[in-house]
């Protein structure tokens, strides 16, 4: 499935006559209405704070800005990923800000004068204005209201993935990390993909971080992505990761696992490998083996991203007694197909 003009449409309201009136709601975030100076109308932002936002009152956090992020769009399932990592501590805690789109084809696509689009996309081409909306209205509102650090992540899928990739190319300094999931590169005869090489060749460009992936789209989607990947390689652009999911996901299934993988790729947390010394029941005959010399030398060092040894699960599993107690950073999930 390549074209999904109705993707991210509002879900129907669910009602149940059997539900008790005194049932408690499950709250995953709060929705705010802000006045957009750029768009000239009210717009909605939905926010989820990590649990550590309250427990660590002096801490600052990265912000994940989610395109198509309304409460009836992609916000619930992406916020669910961050809720999961809040309780298993595998990804850094972060603030999620869902940016709702109202008419996504009109608001987040590049301009196109192709008359063949007139029936399906009578209103289109608002991407530049929506970027200004993010820059002038959304980012200042978020950063004045919450304790944020200097990391801004922009995430989107399909047409929103196209918007993310175009934003990465046109305004690279607006965000520090970009996650483009199955971007709709077919748009306007691959116009965004065709600009990639020239844009990336700009000697003054300071490239941010890019994560891009695509499923079994084929056709113009894949052809456009191949052009972008070629441009990234030929221009020797750093800080990008591509994961080929043609043989594992389609357009309808790719978003959730890819969003988790993007977060794991750039925001995984370090930890001390192996089970604790007091969990004797995990060891043969209840005897806890001694720490290796490597672990003894490492155990007094604070475990941070900077001090962690980057290893794989294969490395750990080949000699767990060597690594038990060592501060490591292991990225779960699939391996990158290409990196820069």
Protein backbone atom coordinates (compact mmCIF):
# COMPACT_ATOMS: atom_id res chain seq x y z
CA UNK A 1 0.00 0.00 0.00
CA UNK A 2 1.65 3.21 -1.18
CA UNK A 3 -1.00 5.91 -1.19
CA UNK A 4 -3.17 6.37 1.87
CA UNK A 5 -4.98 9.67 1.58
CA UNK A 6 -7.14 8.87 4.60
CA UNK A 7 -4.34 7.67 6.90
CA UNK A 8 -4.43 9.20 10.38
CA UNK A 9 -8.09 10.16 10.05
CA UNK A 10 -9.89 10.57 13.35
CA UNK A 11 -11.06 7.31 14.84
CA UNK A 12 -14.75 6.92 15.67
CA UNK A 13 -15.70 7.56 19.27
CA UNK A 14 -16.19 4.29 21.13
CA UNK A 15 -19.10 3.94 23.51
CA UNK A 16 -20.26 1.09 25.68
CA UNK A 17 -23.59 0.79 27.44
CA UNK A 18 -22.08 -1.78 29.80
CA UNK A 19 -19.38 0.56 31.07
CA UNK A 20 -20.01 1.87 34.57
CA UNK A 21 -20.48 5.62 34.92
CA UNK A 22 -17.93 5.66 37.73
CA UNK A 23 -15.19 4.11 35.58
CA UNK A 24 -11.84 5.88 35.75
CA UNK A 25 -10.28 7.28 32.61
CA UNK A 26 -6.77 6.25 31.60
CA UNK A 27 -4.86 9.48 30.98
CA UNK A 28 -1.85 9.34 28.67
CA UNK A 29 -1.39 13.05 28.09
CA UNK A 30 -2.94 16.51 28.02
CA UNK A 31 -4.16 18.42 24.98
CA UNK A 32 -3.66 22.18 24.77
CA UNK A 33 -5.03 24.67 22.25
CA UNK A 34 -2.63 27.39 21.15
CA UNK A 35 -3.10 30.31 18.83
CA UNK A 36 -0.95 30.02 15.72
CA UNK A 37 0.42 33.33 14.50
CA UNK A 38 1.58 31.64 11.29
CA UNK A 39 -1.54 29.67 10.41
CA UNK A 40 -3.97 32.24 11.77
CA UNK A 41 -6.06 29.71 13.66
CA UNK A 42 -6.16 27.69 16.85
CA UNK A 43 -4.17 24.45 16.81
CA UNK A 44 -3.93 21.51 19.23
CA UNK A 45 -0.82 20.06 20.87
CA UNK A 46 -0.95 16.89 22.96
CA UNK A 47 1.78 16.42 25.56
CA UNK A 48 3.05 13.48 27.59
CA UNK A 49 5.68 14.05 30.26
CA UNK A 50 8.01 11.26 31.42
CA UNK A 51 7.53 10.06 34.98
CA UNK A 52 10.97 11.38 35.88
CA UNK A 53 9.83 14.91 34.98
CA UNK A 54 8.17 15.00 38.40
CA UNK A 55 10.62 12.82 40.34
CA UNK A 56 13.65 14.77 39.05
CA UNK A 57 12.53 18.41 39.32
CA UNK A 58 15.87 19.85 38.18
CA UNK A 59 16.33 17.61 35.14
CA UNK A 60 15.94 18.71 31.54
CA UNK A 61 14.63 16.40 28.82
CA UNK A 62 14.75 15.98 25.05
CA UNK A 63 11.48 16.59 23.19
CA UNK A 64 9.98 14.30 20.56
CA UNK A 65 7.79 16.34 18.21
CA UNK A 66 5.33 13.96 16.59
CA UNK A 67 3.72 14.83 13.28
CA UNK A 68 0.09 13.71 12.91
CA UNK A 69 0.21 13.79 16.70
CA UNK A 70 -3.41 14.43 17.61
CA UNK A 71 -5.10 12.31 20.28
CA UNK A 72 -7.00 10.46 17.53
CA UNK A 73 -3.91 10.21 15.33
CA UNK A 74 -0.48 8.75 16.17
CA UNK A 75 -0.07 10.19 19.65
CA UNK A 76 -1.44 7.24 21.70
CA UNK A 77 0.80 4.55 20.23
CA UNK A 78 3.98 6.62 20.18
CA UNK A 79 3.31 7.86 23.73
CA UNK A 80 2.82 4.20 24.65
CA UNK A 81 6.35 3.40 23.50
CA UNK A 82 7.73 6.11 25.79
CA UNK A 83 5.53 4.91 28.67
CA UNK A 84 7.02 1.45 28.22
CA UNK A 85 10.57 2.76 28.27
CA UNK A 86 9.70 4.80 31.37
CA UNK A 87 9.28 1.57 33.31
CA UNK A 88 12.02 -0.53 31.72
CA UNK A 89 14.60 2.31 31.45
CA UNK A 90 15.88 1.16 28.05
CA UNK A 91 15.51 4.56 26.36
CA UNK A 92 16.16 8.00 27.78
CA UNK A 93 13.05 9.69 29.20
CA UNK A 94 11.68 12.39 26.94
CA UNK A 95 8.74 14.72 26.49
CA UNK A 96 6.34 13.83 23.65
CA UNK A 97 4.54 16.69 21.89
CA UNK A 98 1.95 15.56 19.38
CA UNK A 99 1.37 18.17 16.66
CA UNK A 100 -2.08 17.59 15.22
CA UNK A 101 -2.73 17.96 11.52
CA UNK A 102 -6.21 18.94 10.34
CA UNK A 103 -5.89 18.50 6.58
CA UNK A 104 -2.57 16.72 6.32
CA UNK A 105 -2.39 16.61 2.51
CA UNK A 106 -2.88 20.38 2.41
CA UNK A 107 -0.68 21.19 5.36
CA UNK A 108 2.46 19.04 5.13
CA UNK A 109 3.07 18.43 1.42
CA UNK A 110 5.44 20.41 -0.82
CA UNK A 111 3.81 22.43 -3.59
CA UNK A 112 2.81 20.64 -6.79
CA UNK A 113 1.13 21.96 -9.92
CA UNK A 114 0.45 18.45 -11.23
CA UNK A 115 -3.19 18.58 -12.48
CA UNK A 116 -3.54 14.85 -11.83
CA UNK A 117 -3.54 15.66 -8.09
CA UNK A 118 -6.49 18.05 -8.36
CA UNK A 119 -9.20 15.52 -7.57
CA UNK A 120 -7.47 13.65 -4.72
CA UNK A 121 -5.45 16.57 -3.32
CA UNK A 122 -7.33 19.76 -4.24
CA UNK A 123 -5.56 21.57 -1.40
CA UNK A 124 -1.84 20.93 -1.09
CA UNK A 125 1.57 22.51 -0.74
CA UNK A 126 1.49 23.92 2.79
CA UNK A 127 4.70 22.35 4.08
CA UNK A 128 6.73 25.57 4.25
CA UNK A 129 4.01 27.30 6.26
CA UNK A 130 3.74 24.32 8.60
CA UNK A 131 7.50 24.44 9.21
CA UNK A 132 7.15 28.10 10.13
CA UNK A 133 4.29 27.13 12.45
CA UNK A 134 6.62 24.67 14.19
CA UNK A 135 9.45 27.20 14.40
CA UNK A 136 7.49 30.30 15.42
CA UNK A 137 4.56 28.90 17.38
CA UNK A 138 5.22 25.37 18.62
CA UNK A 139 8.88 25.26 19.64
CA UNK A 140 8.80 28.49 21.69
CA UNK A 141 5.56 27.43 23.42
CA UNK A 142 7.02 24.06 24.42
CA UNK A 143 10.41 25.40 25.49
CA UNK A 144 8.90 28.16 27.60
CA UNK A 145 6.50 25.78 29.35
CA UNK A 146 8.70 22.72 30.01
CA UNK A 147 12.24 21.89 31.13
CA UNK A 148 13.82 20.94 27.82
CA UNK A 149 17.41 20.26 26.84
CA UNK A 150 18.86 21.12 23.44
CA UNK A 151 17.68 17.95 21.67
CA UNK A 152 14.65 18.23 19.39
CA UNK A 153 13.39 15.13 17.57
CA UNK A 154 10.96 15.30 14.62
CA UNK A 155 9.14 12.06 13.77
CA UNK A 156 6.59 11.19 11.11
CA UNK A 157 5.39 8.46 8.76
CA UNK A 158 4.09 8.39 5.16
CA UNK A 159 3.23 11.98 4.10
CA UNK A 160 4.49 13.09 7.51
CA UNK A 161 7.67 11.10 6.80
CA UNK A 162 8.04 13.09 3.58
CA UNK A 163 7.61 16.30 5.59
CA UNK A 164 10.28 15.15 8.05
CA UNK A 165 12.75 14.32 5.26
CA UNK A 166 12.10 17.60 3.45
CA UNK A 167 12.58 19.47 6.73
CA UNK A 168 15.88 17.63 7.26
CA UNK A 169 17.01 18.81 3.82
CA UNK A 170 15.65 22.38 3.87
CA UNK A 171 15.99 23.46 7.51
CA UNK A 172 18.46 21.02 9.09
CA UNK A 173 19.08 23.14 12.19
CA UNK A 174 15.43 23.28 13.22
CA UNK A 175 15.74 19.87 14.92
CA UNK A 176 18.69 17.79 16.08
CA UNK A 177 17.21 14.38 15.15
CA UNK A 178 14.90 13.39 12.30
CA UNK A 179 12.94 10.14 12.02
CA UNK A 180 11.43 9.58 8.56
CA UNK A 181 9.36 6.40 8.37
CA UNK A 182 8.29 5.22 4.89
CA UNK A 183 8.34 8.76 3.47
CA UNK A 184 5.93 9.33 0.55
CA UNK A 185 8.70 10.21 -1.87
CA UNK A 186 6.42 9.59 -4.86
CA UNK A 187 4.99 13.06 -4.24
CA UNK A 188 5.31 15.46 -7.21
CA UNK A 189 7.41 13.08 -9.32
CA UNK A 190 10.10 12.59 -6.64
CA UNK A 191 10.68 16.34 -6.23
CA UNK A 192 12.07 16.07 -2.69
CA UNK A 193 14.40 13.19 -3.56
CA UNK A 194 15.69 15.08 -6.59
CA UNK A 195 16.88 17.96 -4.40
CA UNK A 196 18.83 15.74 -2.00
CA UNK A 197 22.26 15.69 -3.63
CA UNK A 198 22.40 19.44 -4.26
CA UNK A 199 21.17 20.24 -0.77
CA UNK A 200 23.53 17.84 0.97
CA UNK A 201 26.49 19.22 -1.01
CA UNK A 202 26.13 22.62 0.68
CA UNK A 203 29.57 23.18 2.34
CA UNK A 204 28.00 25.28 5.12
CA UNK A 205 25.50 22.63 6.08
CA UNK A 206 25.87 21.13 9.57
CA UNK A 207 24.08 17.80 9.26
CA UNK A 208 21.79 16.73 12.09
CA UNK A 209 20.96 13.09 12.80
CA UNK A 210 18.68 11.19 10.39
CA UNK A 211 16.94 7.83 10.75
CA UNK A 212 15.13 6.60 7.65
CA UNK A 213 13.43 3.32 6.86
CA UNK A 214 10.97 1.90 4.34
CA UNK A 215 8.86 -1.24 4.03
CA UNK A 216 7.69 -3.20 1.01
CA UNK A 217 6.54 -0.09 -0.86
CA UNK A 218 8.40 -0.59 -4.13
CA UNK A 219 7.73 1.66 -7.12
CA UNK A 220 8.35 5.38 -6.83
CA UNK A 221 8.62 5.18 -3.04
CA UNK A 222 11.67 2.96 -3.18
CA UNK A 223 13.11 4.72 -6.22
CA UNK A 224 12.94 8.03 -4.39
CA UNK A 225 14.54 6.55 -1.29
CA UNK A 226 17.33 5.01 -3.36
CA UNK A 227 18.06 8.50 -4.73
CA UNK A 228 18.23 9.94 -1.22
CA UNK A 229 20.50 7.14 0.03
CA UNK A 230 22.80 7.58 -2.97
CA UNK A 231 23.03 11.30 -2.24
CA UNK A 232 23.85 10.64 1.43
CA UNK A 233 26.64 8.28 0.44
CA UNK A 234 28.09 10.37 -2.38
CA UNK A 235 28.18 13.54 -0.30
CA UNK A 236 29.70 11.63 2.63
CA UNK A 237 27.01 13.01 4.90
CA UNK A 238 27.52 11.85 8.52
CA UNK A 239 25.05 10.93 11.24
CA UNK A 240 22.45 8.90 9.34
CA UNK A 241 21.02 5.40 9.63
CA UNK A 242 18.97 3.45 7.11
CA UNK A 243 17.11 0.22 7.92
CA UNK A 244 15.75 -1.83 5.00
CA UNK A 245 12.39 -3.34 5.99
CA UNK A 246 11.22 -4.45 2.55
CA UNK A 247 11.13 -8.07 3.67
CA UNK A 248 9.57 -7.54 7.09
CA UNK A 249 7.01 -4.70 7.07
CA UNK A 250 4.50 -2.99 4.80
CA UNK A 251 3.12 0.53 4.87
CA UNK A 252 0.50 -0.35 7.43
CA UNK A 253 2.77 -2.17 9.87
CA UNK A 254 6.06 -0.28 9.75
CA UNK A 255 5.49 2.72 11.99
CA UNK A 256 5.36 1.32 15.51
CA UNK A 257 8.42 -1.00 15.35
CA UNK A 258 10.42 1.60 13.43
CA UNK A 259 9.66 4.38 15.91
CA UNK A 260 10.88 2.14 18.74
CA UNK A 261 14.00 1.24 16.76
CA UNK A 262 14.75 4.89 16.01
CA UNK A 263 14.59 5.70 19.72
CA UNK A 264 16.79 2.70 20.54
CA UNK A 265 19.31 3.71 17.88
CA UNK A 266 19.94 7.18 19.28
CA UNK A 267 18.61 7.20 22.84
CA UNK A 268 19.38 3.77 24.33
CA UNK A 269 20.53 3.91 27.94
CA UNK A 270 23.68 2.31 29.38
CA UNK A 271 23.53 -0.25 32.20
CA UNK A 272 25.68 -2.76 34.03
CA UNK A 273 25.45 -6.07 32.22
CA UNK A 274 24.28 -9.29 33.80
CA UNK A 275 22.19 -10.05 36.85
CA UNK A 276 22.96 -8.62 40.27
CA UNK A 277 25.14 -10.47 42.78
CA UNK A 278 22.22 -10.89 45.16
CA UNK A 279 20.09 -12.83 42.65
CA UNK A 280 21.73 -16.12 43.55
CA UNK A 281 18.79 -18.08 42.16
CA UNK A 282 19.86 -17.14 38.65
CA UNK A 283 23.15 -19.03 38.95
CA UNK A 284 23.98 -22.72 38.91
CA UNK A 285 23.68 -24.24 42.38
CA UNK A 286 23.01 -20.75 43.73
CA UNK A 287 26.69 -19.85 43.58
CA UNK A 288 27.37 -16.33 42.34
CA UNK A 289 30.56 -16.29 40.22
CA UNK A 290 33.16 -13.63 41.02
CA UNK A 291 33.43 -10.54 38.89
CA UNK A 292 36.02 -10.63 36.14
CA UNK A 293 39.09 -8.41 36.34
CA UNK A 294 37.51 -6.29 33.61
CA UNK A 295 34.39 -5.79 35.72
CA UNK A 296 36.37 -5.06 38.89
CA UNK A 297 38.25 -2.32 37.07
CA UNK A 298 35.02 -0.90 35.70
CA UNK A 299 32.69 -1.17 38.67
CA UNK A 300 33.82 2.04 40.38
CA UNK A 301 33.31 4.14 37.24
CA UNK A 302 30.01 5.99 36.88
CA UNK A 303 27.92 4.26 34.21
CA UNK A 304 27.14 6.86 31.55
CA UNK A 305 26.87 6.93 27.77
CA UNK A 306 30.38 8.31 27.64
CA UNK A 307 31.91 5.63 29.87
CA UNK A 308 29.87 2.65 28.56
CA UNK A 309 31.46 0.07 26.28
CA UNK A 310 29.44 -0.36 23.10
CA UNK A 311 28.94 -4.08 22.56
CA UNK A 312 26.43 -6.42 20.92
CA UNK A 313 24.28 -9.14 22.42
CA UNK A 314 26.48 -11.65 20.60
CA UNK A 315 29.56 -10.30 22.36
CA UNK A 316 27.86 -10.48 25.74
CA UNK A 317 26.39 -13.96 25.22
CA UNK A 318 29.73 -15.37 24.08
CA UNK A 319 31.25 -14.66 27.51
CA UNK A 320 28.68 -13.36 30.05
CA UNK A 321 31.01 -13.82 33.02
CA UNK A 322 33.48 -11.41 31.43
CA UNK A 323 30.86 -8.69 31.00
CA UNK A 324 28.77 -9.10 34.17
CA UNK A 325 28.99 -5.83 36.08
CA UNK A 326 30.58 -3.85 33.22
CA UNK A 327 28.86 -0.65 32.09
CA UNK A 328 27.68 -1.39 28.54
CA UNK A 329 25.52 0.12 25.85
CA UNK A 330 23.76 -2.52 23.77
CA UNK A 331 21.30 -1.40 21.12
CA UNK A 332 18.39 -3.91 20.96
CA UNK A 333 16.53 -4.73 17.76
CA UNK A 334 17.59 -4.87 14.13
CA UNK A 335 20.92 -3.72 12.78
CA UNK A 336 21.28 -0.80 10.42
CA UNK A 337 21.42 -1.66 6.73
CA UNK A 338 23.53 1.40 5.92
CA UNK A 339 25.05 4.15 8.05
CA UNK A 340 26.89 7.37 7.54
